[in-house]
């Protein structure tokens, strides 16, 4: 009688491997949800910053003042270029809310002569994190972490 060597896993070995995978997954999931939340906030902040920079350059290029109106209730802002009736409406992610626009009447206007505007900023918030996109010294547009907020990596404190 020839004996055949059996290869494979026993049921007990398979259950142990599945239990280990389940434990590792349970440990890793909260880290991923935090990372996703931070990345959504970073994406929204970088979008607002680039739109502010674009508006500033367009006001200089078109030789007219271009306003941006921030509407926190609907998570959007409106850019009105110099051409009559043209508007660009930009909606941020619903996972990220805009709050406390610190511009005059929630409006920032870039002056075409020097590309300057009034100082101020808008705070973008998720459940656990906050960042501020601000115009500093009339020209510098930057993203920073509010002092009291959970810091988002890669940005300095305001």
N, C-alpha and C. Protein backbone atom coordinates (compact mmCIF):
# COMPACT_ATOMS: atom_id res chain seq x y z
N UNK A 1 0.82 -1.18 0.00
CA UNK A 1 0.00 0.00 0.00
C UNK A 1 0.87 1.25 0.00
N UNK A 2 0.64 2.06 -0.92
CA UNK A 2 1.41 3.31 -1.02
C UNK A 2 0.73 4.38 -0.19
N UNK A 3 1.52 5.06 0.57
CA UNK A 3 0.95 6.16 1.37
C UNK A 3 1.17 7.47 0.62
N UNK A 4 0.09 8.27 0.56
CA UNK A 4 0.18 9.57 -0.09
C UNK A 4 0.32 10.65 0.98
N UNK A 5 1.29 11.52 0.79
CA UNK A 5 1.48 12.61 1.74
C UNK A 5 0.44 13.69 1.43
N UNK A 6 -0.30 14.09 2.43
CA UNK A 6 -1.34 15.10 2.25
C UNK A 6 -0.74 16.48 2.48
N UNK A 7 -1.11 17.42 1.64
CA UNK A 7 -0.67 18.80 1.83
C UNK A 7 -1.90 19.69 1.89
N UNK A 8 -1.77 20.79 2.63
CA UNK A 8 -2.89 21.72 2.79
C UNK A 8 -2.96 22.23 4.21
N UNK A 9 -4.05 22.92 4.49
CA UNK A 9 -4.24 23.51 5.81
C UNK A 9 -5.36 22.77 6.53
N UNK A 10 -5.21 22.69 7.82
CA UNK A 10 -6.31 22.14 8.61
C UNK A 10 -7.30 23.26 8.88
N UNK A 11 -8.47 22.91 9.31
CA UNK A 11 -9.50 23.89 9.61
C UNK A 11 -9.08 24.80 10.75
N UNK A 12 -8.40 24.25 11.74
CA UNK A 12 -7.94 25.03 12.89
C UNK A 12 -6.91 26.06 12.43
N UNK A 13 -5.97 25.69 11.59
CA UNK A 13 -4.98 26.63 11.08
C UNK A 13 -5.64 27.75 10.29
N UNK A 14 -6.60 27.42 9.47
CA UNK A 14 -7.31 28.41 8.68
C UNK A 14 -8.07 29.40 9.57
N UNK A 15 -8.73 28.91 10.62
CA UNK A 15 -9.46 29.78 11.54
C UNK A 15 -8.51 30.71 12.30
N UNK A 16 -7.33 30.22 12.65
CA UNK A 16 -6.36 31.07 13.35
C UNK A 16 -5.89 32.20 12.44
N UNK A 17 -5.61 31.89 11.19
CA UNK A 17 -5.18 32.93 10.24
C UNK A 17 -6.29 33.96 10.03
N UNK A 18 -7.52 33.53 9.90
CA UNK A 18 -8.65 34.46 9.73
C UNK A 18 -8.81 35.33 10.97
N UNK A 19 -8.64 34.79 12.15
CA UNK A 19 -8.74 35.57 13.39
C UNK A 19 -7.64 36.63 13.46
N UNK A 20 -6.43 36.27 13.06
CA UNK A 20 -5.32 37.24 13.06
C UNK A 20 -5.59 38.36 12.08
N UNK A 21 -6.08 38.03 10.90
CA UNK A 21 -6.40 39.06 9.89
C UNK A 21 -7.50 39.98 10.41
N UNK A 22 -8.50 39.43 11.08
CA UNK A 22 -9.59 40.25 11.62
C UNK A 22 -9.08 41.21 12.70
N UNK A 23 -8.20 40.73 13.55
CA UNK A 23 -7.63 41.60 14.60
C UNK A 23 -6.81 42.73 13.99
N UNK A 24 -5.96 42.42 13.01
CA UNK A 24 -5.15 43.45 12.36
C UNK A 24 -6.02 44.47 11.62
N UNK A 25 -7.09 44.01 11.00
CA UNK A 25 -8.00 44.92 10.31
C UNK A 25 -8.71 45.83 11.30
N UNK A 26 -9.13 45.30 12.42
CA UNK A 26 -9.80 46.11 13.44
C UNK A 26 -8.88 47.19 14.00
N UNK A 27 -7.60 46.90 14.07
CA UNK A 27 -6.63 47.89 14.55
C UNK A 27 -6.38 48.96 13.49
N UNK A 28 -6.34 48.58 12.21
CA UNK A 28 -5.96 49.49 11.14
C UNK A 28 -7.09 50.41 10.67
N UNK A 29 -8.34 50.01 10.79
CA UNK A 29 -9.46 50.80 10.24
C UNK A 29 -9.55 52.21 10.82
N UNK A 30 -9.43 52.44 12.11
CA UNK A 30 -9.49 53.83 12.60
C UNK A 30 -8.39 54.71 12.02
N UNK A 31 -7.21 54.16 11.81
CA UNK A 31 -6.13 54.95 11.21
C UNK A 31 -6.48 55.36 9.79
N UNK A 32 -7.08 54.49 9.04
CA UNK A 32 -7.45 54.81 7.67
C UNK A 32 -8.55 55.86 7.62
N UNK A 33 -9.52 55.79 8.53
CA UNK A 33 -10.60 56.78 8.50
C UNK A 33 -10.07 58.17 8.86
N UNK A 34 -9.12 58.25 9.80
CA UNK A 34 -8.48 59.53 10.11
C UNK A 34 -7.69 60.06 8.93
N UNK A 35 -6.96 59.17 8.27
CA UNK A 35 -6.17 59.58 7.11
C UNK A 35 -7.08 60.08 5.99
N UNK A 36 -8.18 59.41 5.75
CA UNK A 36 -9.12 59.84 4.71
C UNK A 36 -9.71 61.19 5.05
N UNK A 37 -10.06 61.41 6.31
CA UNK A 37 -10.62 62.69 6.75
C UNK A 37 -9.60 63.82 6.56
N UNK A 38 -8.36 63.59 6.95
CA UNK A 38 -7.31 64.61 6.76
C UNK A 38 -7.07 64.89 5.28
N UNK A 39 -7.08 63.86 4.46
CA UNK A 39 -6.84 64.05 3.03
C UNK A 39 -7.98 64.83 2.37
N UNK A 40 -9.22 64.59 2.77
CA UNK A 40 -10.35 65.37 2.23
C UNK A 40 -10.20 66.84 2.61
N UNK A 41 -9.80 67.09 3.85
CA UNK A 41 -9.62 68.47 4.30
C UNK A 41 -8.47 69.13 3.55
N UNK A 42 -7.36 68.42 3.39
CA UNK A 42 -6.22 68.97 2.65
C UNK A 42 -6.61 69.27 1.20
N UNK A 43 -7.36 68.37 0.58
CA UNK A 43 -7.79 68.57 -0.80
C UNK A 43 -8.65 69.81 -0.93
N UNK A 44 -9.60 69.99 -0.02
CA UNK A 44 -10.48 71.16 -0.07
C UNK A 44 -9.67 72.44 0.17
N UNK A 45 -8.75 72.42 1.13
CA UNK A 45 -7.94 73.61 1.44
C UNK A 45 -7.04 73.97 0.27
N UNK A 46 -6.41 72.99 -0.33
CA UNK A 46 -5.54 73.27 -1.49
C UNK A 46 -6.37 73.80 -2.65
N UNK A 47 -7.61 73.31 -2.79
CA UNK A 47 -8.49 73.82 -3.85
C UNK A 47 -8.84 75.28 -3.65
N UNK A 48 -9.19 75.65 -2.40
CA UNK A 48 -9.52 77.05 -2.10
C UNK A 48 -8.29 77.92 -2.33
N UNK A 49 -7.14 77.45 -1.89
CA UNK A 49 -5.90 78.23 -2.06
C UNK A 49 -5.61 78.46 -3.54
N UNK A 50 -5.70 77.41 -4.34
CA UNK A 50 -5.39 77.57 -5.76
C UNK A 50 -6.42 78.46 -6.45
N UNK A 51 -7.69 78.41 -6.02
CA UNK A 51 -8.70 79.29 -6.60
C UNK A 51 -8.44 80.75 -6.23
N UNK A 52 -7.98 80.99 -5.01
CA UNK A 52 -7.61 82.35 -4.62
C UNK A 52 -6.43 82.85 -5.44
N UNK A 53 -5.43 82.00 -5.64
CA UNK A 53 -4.28 82.39 -6.45
C UNK A 53 -4.68 82.65 -7.90
N UNK A 54 -5.55 81.80 -8.44
CA UNK A 54 -6.02 81.98 -9.81
C UNK A 54 -6.78 83.29 -9.94
N UNK A 55 -7.65 83.59 -8.98
CA UNK A 55 -8.43 84.82 -9.02
C UNK A 55 -7.52 86.03 -8.95
N UNK A 56 -6.53 85.97 -8.11
CA UNK A 56 -5.57 87.08 -8.00
C UNK A 56 -4.87 87.31 -9.34
N UNK A 57 -4.39 86.24 -9.96
CA UNK A 57 -3.69 86.41 -11.24
C UNK A 57 -4.65 86.86 -12.35
N UNK A 58 -5.89 86.38 -12.33
CA UNK A 58 -6.87 86.81 -13.34
C UNK A 58 -7.22 88.28 -13.18
N UNK A 59 -7.30 88.78 -11.95
CA UNK A 59 -7.62 90.20 -11.75
C UNK A 59 -6.52 91.08 -12.33
N UNK A 60 -5.27 90.65 -12.19
CA UNK A 60 -4.15 91.41 -12.76
C UNK A 60 -4.18 91.29 -14.29
N UNK A 61 -4.40 90.09 -14.78
CA UNK A 61 -4.40 89.85 -16.22
C UNK A 61 -5.52 90.59 -16.94
N UNK A 62 -6.72 90.61 -16.34
CA UNK A 62 -7.87 91.24 -16.99
C UNK A 62 -8.03 92.71 -16.62
N UNK A 63 -7.18 93.22 -15.76
CA UNK A 63 -7.21 94.62 -15.32
C UNK A 63 -8.57 95.02 -14.74
N UNK A 64 -9.09 94.21 -13.87
CA UNK A 64 -10.31 94.57 -13.15
C UNK A 64 -10.33 93.83 -11.81
N UNK A 65 -11.05 94.38 -10.86
CA UNK A 65 -11.18 93.76 -9.54
C UNK A 65 -12.12 92.57 -9.64
N UNK A 66 -11.71 91.44 -9.09
CA UNK A 66 -12.54 90.24 -9.13
C UNK A 66 -12.88 89.83 -7.70
N UNK A 67 -14.17 89.76 -7.38
CA UNK A 67 -14.57 89.33 -6.02
C UNK A 67 -14.80 87.82 -5.94
N UNK A 68 -14.59 87.29 -4.75
CA UNK A 68 -14.98 85.92 -4.42
C UNK A 68 -15.93 86.03 -3.24
N UNK A 69 -17.11 85.42 -3.36
CA UNK A 69 -18.12 85.45 -2.29
C UNK A 69 -18.17 84.06 -1.67
N UNK A 70 -17.88 83.99 -0.37
CA UNK A 70 -17.93 82.72 0.36
C UNK A 70 -19.29 82.56 0.99
N UNK A 71 -19.92 81.41 0.78
CA UNK A 71 -21.23 81.10 1.34
C UNK A 71 -21.11 79.84 2.18
N UNK A 72 -20.85 79.98 3.48
CA UNK A 72 -20.62 78.79 4.32
C UNK A 72 -21.82 77.86 4.41
N UNK A 73 -23.04 78.38 4.35
CA UNK A 73 -24.22 77.53 4.53
C UNK A 73 -24.32 76.47 3.45
N UNK A 74 -23.85 76.77 2.24
CA UNK A 74 -23.93 75.80 1.15
C UNK A 74 -22.57 75.26 0.74
N UNK A 75 -21.53 75.54 1.54
CA UNK A 75 -20.18 75.06 1.28
C UNK A 75 -19.70 75.45 -0.11
N UNK A 76 -19.99 76.66 -0.53
CA UNK A 76 -19.53 77.05 -1.85
C UNK A 76 -19.00 78.48 -1.86
N UNK A 77 -18.30 78.81 -2.90
CA UNK A 77 -17.87 80.18 -3.11
C UNK A 77 -18.00 80.49 -4.59
N UNK A 78 -18.24 81.76 -4.89
CA UNK A 78 -18.52 82.19 -6.25
C UNK A 78 -17.44 83.18 -6.67
N UNK A 79 -16.85 82.92 -7.83
CA UNK A 79 -15.87 83.83 -8.42
C UNK A 79 -16.55 84.51 -9.60
N UNK A 80 -16.51 85.84 -9.62
CA UNK A 80 -17.14 86.59 -10.70
C UNK A 80 -16.08 87.27 -11.55
N UNK A 81 -15.67 86.65 -12.65
CA UNK A 81 -14.67 87.28 -13.52
C UNK A 81 -15.20 88.57 -14.15
N UNK A 82 -14.35 89.27 -14.87
CA UNK A 82 -14.68 90.58 -15.41
C UNK A 82 -15.73 90.54 -16.51
N UNK A 83 -15.85 89.45 -17.22
CA UNK A 83 -16.84 89.39 -18.28
C UNK A 83 -18.23 89.43 -17.67
N UNK A 84 -19.12 90.16 -18.28
CA UNK A 84 -20.44 90.39 -17.68
C UNK A 84 -21.24 89.10 -17.55
N UNK A 85 -21.81 88.92 -16.38
CA UNK A 85 -22.70 87.79 -16.13
C UNK A 85 -22.00 86.46 -15.90
N UNK A 86 -20.70 86.38 -16.11
CA UNK A 86 -20.01 85.11 -15.93
C UNK A 86 -19.75 84.88 -14.45
N UNK A 87 -20.03 83.67 -13.99
CA UNK A 87 -19.76 83.30 -12.61
C UNK A 87 -19.24 81.88 -12.58
N UNK A 88 -18.33 81.64 -11.67
CA UNK A 88 -17.83 80.30 -11.45
C UNK A 88 -18.21 79.90 -10.04
N UNK A 89 -19.03 78.87 -9.91
CA UNK A 89 -19.46 78.41 -8.59
C UNK A 89 -18.67 77.15 -8.26
N UNK A 90 -18.02 77.17 -7.12
CA UNK A 90 -17.19 76.04 -6.70
C UNK A 90 -17.75 75.49 -5.41
N UNK A 91 -18.05 74.21 -5.39
CA UNK A 91 -18.62 73.54 -4.23
C UNK A 91 -17.55 72.69 -3.58
N UNK A 92 -17.33 72.90 -2.28
CA UNK A 92 -16.39 72.04 -1.58
C UNK A 92 -17.08 70.73 -1.22
N UNK A 93 -16.32 69.76 -0.80
CA UNK A 93 -16.86 68.47 -0.42
C UNK A 93 -17.82 68.62 0.75
N UNK A 94 -18.92 67.87 0.74
CA UNK A 94 -19.88 67.96 1.84
C UNK A 94 -19.29 67.41 3.14
N UNK A 95 -18.19 66.67 3.06
CA UNK A 95 -17.52 66.18 4.27
C UNK A 95 -16.72 67.29 4.94
N UNK A 96 -16.49 68.39 4.21
CA UNK A 96 -15.72 69.52 4.72
C UNK A 96 -16.65 70.73 4.74
N UNK A 97 -16.75 71.39 5.89
CA UNK A 97 -17.60 72.57 5.95
C UNK A 97 -16.75 73.83 6.07
N UNK A 98 -17.27 74.92 5.51
CA UNK A 98 -16.60 76.22 5.62
C UNK A 98 -17.24 76.98 6.75
N UNK A 99 -16.42 77.62 7.54
CA UNK A 99 -16.98 78.42 8.62
C UNK A 99 -16.13 79.67 8.83
N UNK A 100 -16.73 80.64 9.43
CA UNK A 100 -16.06 81.88 9.85
C UNK A 100 -15.24 82.56 8.76
N UNK A 101 -15.83 82.87 7.59
CA UNK A 101 -15.05 83.66 6.65
C UNK A 101 -14.73 85.01 7.30
N UNK A 102 -13.47 85.35 7.35
CA UNK A 102 -13.05 86.57 8.05
C UNK A 102 -12.82 87.71 7.07
N UNK A 103 -13.52 87.69 5.95
CA UNK A 103 -13.43 88.78 4.99
C UNK A 103 -14.64 89.68 5.18
N UNK A 104 -14.58 90.88 4.66
CA UNK A 104 -15.68 91.82 4.77
C UNK A 104 -16.92 91.24 4.11
N UNK A 105 -17.98 91.04 4.87
CA UNK A 105 -19.24 90.47 4.35
C UNK A 105 -19.02 89.18 3.57
N UNK A 106 -18.06 88.36 4.00
CA UNK A 106 -17.75 87.09 3.36
C UNK A 106 -17.27 87.25 1.92
N UNK A 107 -16.79 88.45 1.57
CA UNK A 107 -16.32 88.72 0.21
C UNK A 107 -14.86 89.14 0.26
N UNK A 108 -14.08 88.57 -0.62
CA UNK A 108 -12.71 89.03 -0.80
C UNK A 108 -12.59 89.51 -2.24
N UNK A 109 -12.00 90.68 -2.41
CA UNK A 109 -11.84 91.25 -3.74
C UNK A 109 -10.36 91.53 -3.98
N UNK A 110 -9.85 91.01 -5.07
CA UNK A 110 -8.46 91.26 -5.44
C UNK A 110 -8.40 92.49 -6.32
N UNK A 111 -7.54 93.43 -5.94
CA UNK A 111 -7.33 94.66 -6.69
C UNK A 111 -6.37 94.36 -7.84
N UNK A 112 -6.74 94.77 -9.04
CA UNK A 112 -5.95 94.41 -10.21
C UNK A 112 -4.63 95.16 -10.31
N UNK A 113 -4.51 96.31 -9.67
CA UNK A 113 -3.29 97.11 -9.83
C UNK A 113 -2.07 96.45 -9.17
N UNK A 114 -2.27 95.91 -7.99
CA UNK A 114 -1.14 95.29 -7.29
C UNK A 114 -1.42 93.86 -6.87
N UNK A 115 -2.58 93.33 -7.21
CA UNK A 115 -2.92 91.96 -6.83
C UNK A 115 -3.16 91.79 -5.36
N UNK A 116 -3.52 92.87 -4.69
CA UNK A 116 -3.72 92.83 -3.24
C UNK A 116 -5.20 92.71 -2.90
N UNK A 117 -5.45 92.29 -1.68
CA UNK A 117 -6.80 92.25 -1.13
C UNK A 117 -6.70 92.54 0.35
N UNK A 118 -7.85 92.60 1.01
CA UNK A 118 -7.81 92.75 2.46
C UNK A 118 -7.35 91.44 3.08
N UNK A 119 -6.78 91.53 4.26
CA UNK A 119 -6.35 90.32 4.97
C UNK A 119 -7.57 89.60 5.52
N UNK A 120 -7.46 88.30 5.65
CA UNK A 120 -8.55 87.51 6.22
C UNK A 120 -8.38 86.06 5.82
N UNK A 121 -9.35 85.26 6.13
CA UNK A 121 -9.26 83.85 5.80
C UNK A 121 -10.58 83.15 5.95
N UNK A 122 -10.58 81.90 5.57
CA UNK A 122 -11.75 81.04 5.74
C UNK A 122 -11.26 79.74 6.38
N UNK A 123 -12.02 79.26 7.35
CA UNK A 123 -11.66 78.04 8.06
C UNK A 123 -12.44 76.88 7.48
N UNK A 124 -11.74 75.82 7.16
CA UNK A 124 -12.36 74.59 6.67
C UNK A 124 -12.29 73.56 7.78
N UNK A 125 -13.41 72.86 8.01
CA UNK A 125 -13.53 72.00 9.18
C UNK A 125 -14.09 70.63 8.79
N UNK A 126 -13.54 69.60 9.43
CA UNK A 126 -14.17 68.28 9.39
C UNK A 126 -14.52 67.92 10.83
N UNK A 127 -14.90 66.70 11.08
CA UNK A 127 -15.28 66.29 12.42
C UNK A 127 -14.16 66.50 13.43
N UNK A 128 -12.93 66.17 13.05
CA UNK A 128 -11.81 66.21 14.00
C UNK A 128 -10.72 67.23 13.68
N UNK A 129 -10.74 67.82 12.51
CA UNK A 129 -9.63 68.67 12.09
C UNK A 129 -10.11 70.00 11.53
N UNK A 130 -9.19 71.00 11.55
CA UNK A 130 -9.45 72.32 10.97
C UNK A 130 -8.19 72.84 10.31
N UNK A 131 -8.36 73.54 9.21
CA UNK A 131 -7.28 74.32 8.62
C UNK A 131 -7.86 75.65 8.16
N UNK A 132 -7.01 76.65 8.05
CA UNK A 132 -7.44 77.96 7.60
C UNK A 132 -6.68 78.31 6.33
N UNK A 133 -7.41 78.81 5.34
CA UNK A 133 -6.80 79.36 4.14
C UNK A 133 -6.90 80.86 4.30
N UNK A 134 -5.76 81.54 4.32
CA UNK A 134 -5.79 82.96 4.61
C UNK A 134 -4.98 83.77 3.62
N UNK A 135 -5.37 85.04 3.51
CA UNK A 135 -4.61 86.02 2.75
C UNK A 135 -3.92 86.89 3.80
N UNK A 136 -2.60 86.91 3.74
CA UNK A 136 -1.82 87.61 4.74
C UNK A 136 -1.01 88.71 4.05
N UNK A 137 -0.94 89.87 4.65
CA UNK A 137 -0.23 91.02 4.09
C UNK A 137 -0.77 91.43 2.72
N UNK A 138 -2.03 91.11 2.46
CA UNK A 138 -2.67 91.53 1.21
C UNK A 138 -2.34 90.69 0.00
N UNK A 139 -1.25 89.93 0.04
CA UNK A 139 -0.83 89.17 -1.14
C UNK A 139 -0.56 87.70 -0.88
N UNK A 140 0.00 87.39 0.26
CA UNK A 140 0.42 86.02 0.54
C UNK A 140 -0.79 85.14 0.85
N UNK A 141 -0.97 84.10 0.08
CA UNK A 141 -2.07 83.16 0.29
C UNK A 141 -1.44 81.87 0.83
N UNK A 142 -1.91 81.44 2.00
CA UNK A 142 -1.30 80.26 2.62
C UNK A 142 -2.35 79.46 3.37
N UNK A 143 -1.98 78.23 3.68
CA UNK A 143 -2.81 77.33 4.48
C UNK A 143 -2.08 77.13 5.80
N UNK A 144 -2.82 77.22 6.90
CA UNK A 144 -2.19 77.05 8.21
C UNK A 144 -3.15 76.35 9.17
N UNK A 145 -2.59 75.84 10.25
CA UNK A 145 -3.37 75.18 11.30
C UNK A 145 -3.75 76.20 12.37
N UNK A 146 -5.06 76.35 12.67
CA UNK A 146 -5.42 77.20 13.80
C UNK A 146 -4.80 76.65 15.08
N UNK A 147 -4.46 77.52 16.00
CA UNK A 147 -3.74 77.12 17.21
C UNK A 147 -4.51 76.09 18.03
N UNK A 148 -5.81 76.26 18.18
CA UNK A 148 -6.59 75.38 19.06
C UNK A 148 -7.03 74.09 18.36
N UNK A 149 -6.75 73.92 17.08
CA UNK A 149 -7.26 72.77 16.33
C UNK A 149 -6.27 71.61 16.35
N UNK A 150 -6.78 70.41 16.03
CA UNK A 150 -5.90 69.27 15.80
C UNK A 150 -5.09 69.57 14.54
N UNK A 151 -3.79 69.46 14.64
CA UNK A 151 -2.92 69.83 13.53
C UNK A 151 -3.03 68.85 12.37
N UNK A 152 -3.04 69.39 11.17
CA UNK A 152 -2.99 68.60 9.96
C UNK A 152 -1.56 68.73 9.45
N UNK A 153 -0.91 67.62 9.24
CA UNK A 153 0.50 67.62 8.88
C UNK A 153 0.81 68.41 7.62
N UNK A 154 1.96 69.06 7.63
CA UNK A 154 2.42 69.78 6.47
C UNK A 154 2.13 71.27 6.48
N UNK A 155 1.40 71.76 7.46
CA UNK A 155 1.06 73.18 7.52
C UNK A 155 1.55 73.76 8.84
N UNK A 156 2.02 75.00 8.78
CA UNK A 156 2.46 75.68 10.00
C UNK A 156 1.27 76.21 10.77
N UNK A 157 1.51 76.66 11.98
CA UNK A 157 0.45 77.25 12.82
C UNK A 157 0.14 78.66 12.34
N UNK A 158 -1.11 79.05 12.52
CA UNK A 158 -1.52 80.42 12.14
C UNK A 158 -1.02 81.42 13.17
